[in-house]
C-alpha cells in the first residue's frame, strides 16, 4: 500500500521534527510542501509556520518556511 505525502508529512511532524521545503524534498519526496501543509490543515492538523534562515552553497542567506506541530 502506498502512503500519501500528507501522511508521510504528518508522521514526520508527529515525531517531533520540524520541516522546511528542502528537507521535505530530500527526505520525504514532497516537492510542493506548502500544498501538503494546506491539505493537512484542511484535515484538522495544527501546523505552525515560522521562518528559518539558511545559506546556499555560495554563502548567500535566505529565509525559508519552517513548519512544526
C-alpha atoms as a PDB file:
ATOM      1  CA  UNK A   1       0.000   0.000   0.000  1.00  0.00           C
ATOM      2  CA  UNK A   2       1.329   3.398  -0.996  1.00  0.00           C
ATOM      3  CA  UNK A   3       1.485   6.023   1.765  1.00  0.00           C
ATOM      4  CA  UNK A   4       0.306   9.526   0.861  1.00  0.00           C
ATOM      5  CA  UNK A   5       2.577  12.548   1.002  1.00  0.00           C
ATOM      6  CA  UNK A   6       0.284  14.123   3.583  1.00  0.00           C
ATOM      7  CA  UNK A   7       0.577  11.057   5.835  1.00  0.00           C
ATOM      8  CA  UNK A   8       4.386  10.999   5.469  1.00  0.00           C
ATOM      9  CA  UNK A   9       4.465  14.692   6.373  1.00  0.00           C
ATOM     10  CA  UNK A  10       2.267  14.239   9.449  1.00  0.00           C
ATOM     11  CA  UNK A  11       4.315  11.264  10.657  1.00  0.00           C
ATOM     12  CA  UNK A  12       7.484  13.363  10.305  1.00  0.00           C
ATOM     13  CA  UNK A  13       5.996  16.267  12.260  1.00  0.00           C
ATOM     14  CA  UNK A  14       4.452  13.994  14.911  1.00  0.00           C
ATOM     15  CA  UNK A  15       7.897  12.551  15.582  1.00  0.00           C
ATOM     16  CA  UNK A  16       8.861  15.995  16.930  1.00  0.00           C
ATOM     17  CA  UNK A  17      10.822  17.189  13.919  1.00  0.00           C
ATOM     18  CA  UNK A  18      10.296  20.419  12.023  1.00  0.00           C
ATOM     19  CA  UNK A  19      10.498  20.637   8.257  1.00  0.00           C
ATOM     20  CA  UNK A  20      11.479  23.092   5.551  1.00  0.00           C
ATOM     21  CA  UNK A  21      10.996  22.764   1.770  1.00  0.00           C
ATOM     22  CA  UNK A  22      14.442  21.286   1.067  1.00  0.00           C
ATOM     23  CA  UNK A  23      14.071  18.645   3.780  1.00  0.00           C
ATOM     24  CA  UNK A  24      10.581  17.813   2.523  1.00  0.00           C
ATOM     25  CA  UNK A  25      12.005  17.196  -0.945  1.00  0.00           C
ATOM     26  CA  UNK A  26      15.114  15.238   0.061  1.00  0.00           C
ATOM     27  CA  UNK A  27      13.681  13.187   2.938  1.00  0.00           C
ATOM     28  CA  UNK A  28      10.004  12.748   2.054  1.00  0.00           C
ATOM     29  CA  UNK A  29       9.843  13.248  -1.708  1.00  0.00           C
ATOM     30  CA  UNK A  30       7.442  16.185  -1.300  1.00  0.00           C
ATOM     31  CA  UNK A  31       8.101  18.905  -3.858  1.00  0.00           C
ATOM     32  CA  UNK A  32       5.160  21.200  -3.034  1.00  0.00           C
ATOM     33  CA  UNK A  33       5.395  21.307   0.762  1.00  0.00           C
ATOM     34  CA  UNK A  34       3.065  24.283   1.164  1.00  0.00           C
ATOM     35  CA  UNK A  35       0.317  22.410  -0.726  1.00  0.00           C
ATOM     36  CA  UNK A  36       0.654  19.383   1.565  1.00  0.00           C
ATOM     37  CA  UNK A  37       0.632  21.694   4.617  1.00  0.00           C
ATOM     38  CA  UNK A  38      -2.584  23.259   3.303  1.00  0.00           C
ATOM     39  CA  UNK A  39      -4.160  19.814   2.841  1.00  0.00           C
ATOM     40  CA  UNK A  40      -3.139  18.695   6.332  1.00  0.00           C
ATOM     41  CA  UNK A  41      -4.579  21.870   7.872  1.00  0.00           C
ATOM     42  CA  UNK A  42      -7.817  21.318   5.948  1.00  0.00           C
ATOM     43  CA  UNK A  43      -7.983  17.897   7.618  1.00  0.00           C
ATOM     44  CA  UNK A  44      -7.518  19.406  11.090  1.00  0.00           C
ATOM     45  CA  UNK A  45      -3.752  19.374  11.692  1.00  0.00           C
ATOM     46  CA  UNK A  46      -2.499  22.228  13.877  1.00  0.00           C
ATOM     47  CA  UNK A  47       0.688  23.062  11.965  1.00  0.00           C
ATOM     48  CA  UNK A  48       2.610  26.222  12.851  1.00  0.00           C
ATOM     49  CA  UNK A  49       4.731  28.194  10.405  1.00  0.00           C
ATOM     50  CA  UNK A  50       7.755  30.281  11.327  1.00  0.00           C
ATOM     51  CA  UNK A  51      10.833  31.358   9.411  1.00  0.00           C
ATOM     52  CA  UNK A  52      14.293  29.846   9.309  1.00  0.00           C
ATOM     53  CA  UNK A  53      17.485  31.385   7.885  1.00  0.00           C
ATOM     54  CA  UNK A  54      19.567  29.137   5.633  1.00  0.00           C
ATOM     55  CA  UNK A  55      22.634  29.630   3.458  1.00  0.00           C
ATOM     56  CA  UNK A  56      23.195  28.250  -0.022  1.00  0.00           C
ATOM     57  CA  UNK A  57      26.484  26.814  -1.268  1.00  0.00           C
ATOM     58  CA  UNK A  58      27.664  30.327  -2.197  1.00  0.00           C
ATOM     59  CA  UNK A  59      27.139  31.676   1.310  1.00  0.00           C
ATOM     60  CA  UNK A  60      24.048  33.647   0.323  1.00  0.00           C
ATOM     61  CA  UNK A  61      21.445  33.992   3.061  1.00  0.00           C
ATOM     62  CA  UNK A  62      17.780  33.101   2.525  1.00  0.00           C
ATOM     63  CA  UNK A  63      14.703  32.864   4.701  1.00  0.00           C
ATOM     64  CA  UNK A  64      12.518  29.788   4.240  1.00  0.00           C
ATOM     65  CA  UNK A  65       9.334  28.476   5.840  1.00  0.00           C
ATOM     66  CA  UNK A  66       9.780  26.195   8.872  1.00  0.00           C
ATOM     67  CA  UNK A  67       6.802  24.055   9.895  1.00  0.00           C
ATOM     68  CA  UNK A  68       6.187  22.309  13.227  1.00  0.00           C
ATOM     69  CA  UNK A  69       3.271  20.838  15.167  1.00  0.00           C
END
